[in-house]
Amino acid sequence: MGRSPCCEKAHTNKGAWTKEEDDRLIAYIRAHGEGCWRSLPKAAGLLRCGKSCRLRWINYLRPDLKRGNFTEEEDELIIKLHSLLGNKWSLIAGRLPGRTDNEIKNYWNTHIRRKLLNRGIDPATHRPIHAPLSDFTITFAERAKKDVGILQREEEKSNSSSSEESSSWQQYKQPDLNLELSISLP
């Protein structure tokens, strides 16, 4: 049993907001403050649902929102924060006063991704596109050779042991396993 719908779908406006609706929402919030978004539309005389009012206020009408194009400093800060935080847009927006998480996400997807790709940088990993994924490879080939050498020396030391023990060491000198393994990303 979930929560009841926030509005009656039949009696709500959808689509673009009018200037009159914006003015009503602004006037109501100035007079009463942000409160219960579910009851706000009826109290403000709007034929909208509470979610629509909340999103309109947060993303477009708040007086502290910054308007206009992003600066180069904001671009670089978004890139740095994205490399640290990933797609955590609300955390990134917290470091850019006056910008909303939705605005930053849209700006990333329409401008910054393309900018990074043009620079030859992968926007997901923030690494050069044509560079190897890692500078090292983990391999066990050298370790296997060392182990064989150690086993041979151990065998020479224990010449006095029985031939049965000696044959058990033989299986380690020439393993059937291919130990030339490496770990790398696909």
Protein backbone atom coordinates (compact mmCIF):
# COMPACT_ATOMS: atom_id res chain seq x y z
CA MET A 1 0.00 0.00 0.00
CA GLY A 2 1.78 3.09 -1.24
CA ARG A 3 1.26 6.76 -0.92
CA SER A 4 -1.75 8.32 -2.61
CA PRO A 5 -1.08 10.37 -5.76
CA CYS A 6 -0.06 13.97 -5.14
CA CYS A 7 -2.82 15.33 -7.35
CA GLU A 8 -5.91 14.49 -9.30
CA LYS A 9 -4.56 14.00 -12.79
CA ALA A 10 -7.79 15.17 -14.45
CA HIS A 11 -7.72 18.69 -13.02
CA THR A 12 -4.08 19.72 -13.37
CA ASN A 13 -2.24 21.75 -15.96
CA LYS A 14 0.62 20.09 -17.73
CA GLY A 15 3.33 21.48 -19.92
CA ALA A 16 4.81 24.97 -19.93
CA TRP A 17 4.25 27.32 -17.03
CA THR A 18 2.63 30.68 -17.71
CA LYS A 19 3.92 33.98 -16.34
CA GLU A 20 0.78 34.21 -14.17
CA GLU A 21 1.42 30.78 -12.63
CA ASP A 22 5.04 31.71 -11.94
CA ASP A 23 3.93 34.96 -10.26
CA ARG A 24 1.40 33.10 -8.07
CA LEU A 25 3.97 30.56 -6.98
CA ILE A 26 6.57 33.24 -6.20
CA ALA A 27 4.05 35.35 -4.25
CA TYR A 28 2.84 32.36 -2.22
CA ILE A 29 6.35 31.22 -1.28
CA ARG A 30 7.39 34.79 -0.37
CA ALA A 31 4.36 35.09 1.91
CA HIS A 32 4.34 31.59 3.45
CA GLY A 33 7.77 30.10 2.73
CA GLU A 34 8.53 26.64 1.39
CA GLY A 35 6.38 24.12 3.17
CA CYS A 36 4.29 21.15 2.24
CA TRP A 37 4.53 20.94 -1.53
CA ARG A 38 1.50 18.64 -1.72
CA SER A 39 -0.85 21.25 -0.25
CA LEU A 40 0.82 24.31 -1.81
CA PRO A 41 -0.88 24.26 -5.25
CA LYS A 42 -4.39 24.39 -3.81
CA ALA A 43 -3.44 27.07 -1.26
CA ALA A 44 -1.72 29.17 -3.95
CA GLY A 45 -4.62 28.77 -6.38
CA LEU A 46 -2.62 26.75 -8.92
CA LEU A 47 -3.91 23.86 -11.01
CA ARG A 48 -0.58 22.04 -10.76
CA CYS A 49 0.65 19.12 -8.68
CA GLY A 50 2.98 19.66 -5.75
CA LYS A 51 5.93 18.01 -7.48
CA SER A 52 5.59 20.32 -10.46
CA CYS A 53 5.53 23.37 -8.14
CA ARG A 54 8.57 22.14 -6.22
CA LEU A 55 10.61 21.52 -9.36
CA ARG A 56 9.58 24.85 -10.89
CA TRP A 57 10.67 26.70 -7.76
CA ILE A 58 13.94 24.82 -7.22
CA ASN A 59 15.12 24.78 -10.83
CA TYR A 60 13.83 28.09 -12.22
CA LEU A 61 12.27 30.58 -9.80
CA ARG A 62 14.47 30.71 -6.69
CA PRO A 63 16.00 34.17 -6.30
CA ASP A 64 19.49 32.80 -5.53
CA LEU A 65 19.80 30.96 -8.86
CA LYS A 66 22.62 32.01 -11.12
CA ARG A 67 21.56 32.82 -14.66
CA GLY A 68 23.62 32.78 -17.81
CA ASN A 69 26.49 30.80 -19.24
CA PHE A 70 28.96 28.79 -17.23
CA THR A 71 32.39 30.34 -16.79
CA GLU A 72 35.68 28.57 -17.62
CA GLU A 73 36.35 28.27 -13.87
CA GLU A 74 32.98 26.56 -13.38
CA ASP A 75 33.73 24.23 -16.31
CA GLU A 76 37.07 23.18 -14.82
CA LEU A 77 35.55 22.76 -11.36
CA ILE A 78 32.77 20.56 -12.76
CA ILE A 79 35.36 18.42 -14.57
CA LYS A 80 37.48 18.03 -11.43
CA LEU A 81 34.49 17.24 -9.22
CA HIS A 82 33.13 14.77 -11.77
CA SER A 83 36.46 12.95 -11.84
CA LEU A 84 36.25 12.61 -8.04
CA LEU A 85 32.51 12.08 -7.50
CA GLY A 86 31.20 10.70 -10.79
CA ASN A 87 27.58 11.49 -11.69
CA LYS A 88 26.68 12.76 -8.22
CA TRP A 89 25.15 15.96 -9.56
CA SER A 90 23.67 17.19 -6.28
CA LEU A 91 27.08 16.94 -4.58
CA ILE A 92 28.70 18.80 -7.46
CA ALA A 93 25.95 21.46 -7.35
CA GLY A 94 26.69 21.95 -3.66
CA ARG A 95 30.14 23.28 -4.64
CA LEU A 96 28.74 25.64 -7.29
CA PRO A 97 26.52 28.24 -5.58
CA GLY A 98 23.52 29.27 -7.63
CA ARG A 99 23.62 26.24 -9.93
CA THR A 100 21.18 23.35 -9.71
CA ASP A 101 22.01 19.68 -10.02
CA ASN A 102 19.73 19.38 -13.05
CA GLU A 103 21.37 22.34 -14.76
CA ILE A 104 24.86 20.94 -14.17
CA LYS A 105 23.84 17.48 -15.41
CA ASN A 106 22.37 18.95 -18.59
CA TYR A 107 25.43 21.15 -19.12
CA TRP A 108 27.72 18.14 -18.65
CA ASN A 109 25.81 16.05 -21.17
CA THR A 110 25.51 18.78 -23.80
CA HIS A 111 28.80 20.68 -23.53
CA ILE A 112 31.51 19.29 -21.27
CA ARG A 113 31.40 15.69 -22.53
CA ARG A 114 31.94 16.95 -26.08
CA LYS A 115 34.69 19.28 -24.90
CA LEU A 116 36.55 16.41 -23.20
CA LEU A 117 36.13 14.13 -26.22
CA ASN A 118 37.60 16.85 -28.45
CA ARG A 119 40.59 17.02 -26.09
CA GLY A 120 41.01 13.23 -26.44
CA ILE A 121 39.86 12.53 -22.87
CA ASP A 122 37.30 9.87 -21.98
CA PRO A 123 34.51 11.65 -20.02
CA ALA A 124 33.76 8.55 -17.95
CA THR A 125 37.30 7.77 -16.76
CA HIS A 126 38.97 11.17 -17.28
CA ARG A 127 41.94 9.41 -18.94
CA PRO A 128 43.30 9.83 -22.46
CA ILE A 129 41.18 7.82 -24.90
CA HIS A 130 44.01 6.05 -26.75
CA ALA A 131 46.29 5.47 -23.75
CA PRO A 132 46.67 2.04 -22.15
CA LEU A 133 44.37 1.51 -19.20
CA SER A 134 47.22 0.70 -16.85
CA ASP A 135 50.96 1.20 -16.79
CA PHE A 136 51.66 -2.23 -15.36
CA THR A 137 50.78 -5.84 -15.93
CA ILE A 138 50.65 -8.43 -13.20
CA THR A 139 52.26 -11.65 -14.37
CA PHE A 140 53.24 -14.85 -12.64
CA ALA A 141 55.73 -16.07 -15.26
CA GLU A 142 58.85 -14.86 -13.39
CA ARG A 143 57.55 -16.19 -10.10
CA ALA A 144 57.05 -19.64 -11.63
CA LYS A 145 60.68 -19.71 -12.86
CA LYS A 146 61.91 -18.73 -9.39
CA ASP A 147 59.78 -21.44 -7.78
CA VAL A 148 61.25 -24.06 -10.10
CA GLY A 149 64.76 -22.88 -9.21
CA ILE A 150 64.00 -23.08 -5.49
CA LEU A 151 62.55 -26.55 -5.90
CA GLN A 152 65.64 -27.70 -7.80
CA ARG A 153 67.95 -26.41 -5.05
CA GLU A 154 65.80 -28.07 -2.41
CA GLU A 155 66.03 -31.32 -4.35
CA GLU A 156 69.83 -31.11 -4.55
CA LYS A 157 70.03 -30.55 -0.79
CA SER A 158 67.92 -33.59 -0.05
CA ASN A 159 69.71 -36.15 -2.25
CA SER A 160 69.62 -38.49 0.69
CA SER A 161 65.82 -38.70 0.57
CA SER A 162 64.01 -41.62 -0.99
CA SER A 163 63.34 -41.89 -4.71
CA GLU A 164 59.61 -41.66 -3.99
CA GLU A 165 60.06 -38.18 -2.50
CA SER A 166 62.35 -37.25 -5.39
CA SER A 167 59.69 -38.18 -7.93
CA SER A 168 57.17 -35.97 -6.11
CA TRP A 169 59.53 -33.01 -6.58
CA GLN A 170 59.79 -33.83 -10.30
CA GLN A 171 56.14 -32.93 -10.84
CA TYR A 172 56.85 -29.43 -9.51
CA LYS A 173 59.86 -28.89 -11.75
CA GLN A 174 57.77 -29.25 -14.89
CA PRO A 175 54.24 -28.15 -14.10
CA ASP A 176 51.45 -28.76 -16.60
CA LEU A 177 49.91 -25.39 -15.76
CA ASN A 178 50.50 -22.31 -17.86
CA LEU A 179 51.40 -19.71 -15.23
CA GLU A 180 51.93 -16.85 -17.65
CA LEU A 181 48.85 -15.06 -16.43
CA SER A 182 48.24 -11.36 -16.64
CA ILE A 183 45.58 -9.12 -15.18
CA SER A 184 44.33 -6.19 -17.20
CA LEU A 185 41.09 -4.48 -17.99
CA PRO A 186 39.29 -5.50 -21.19
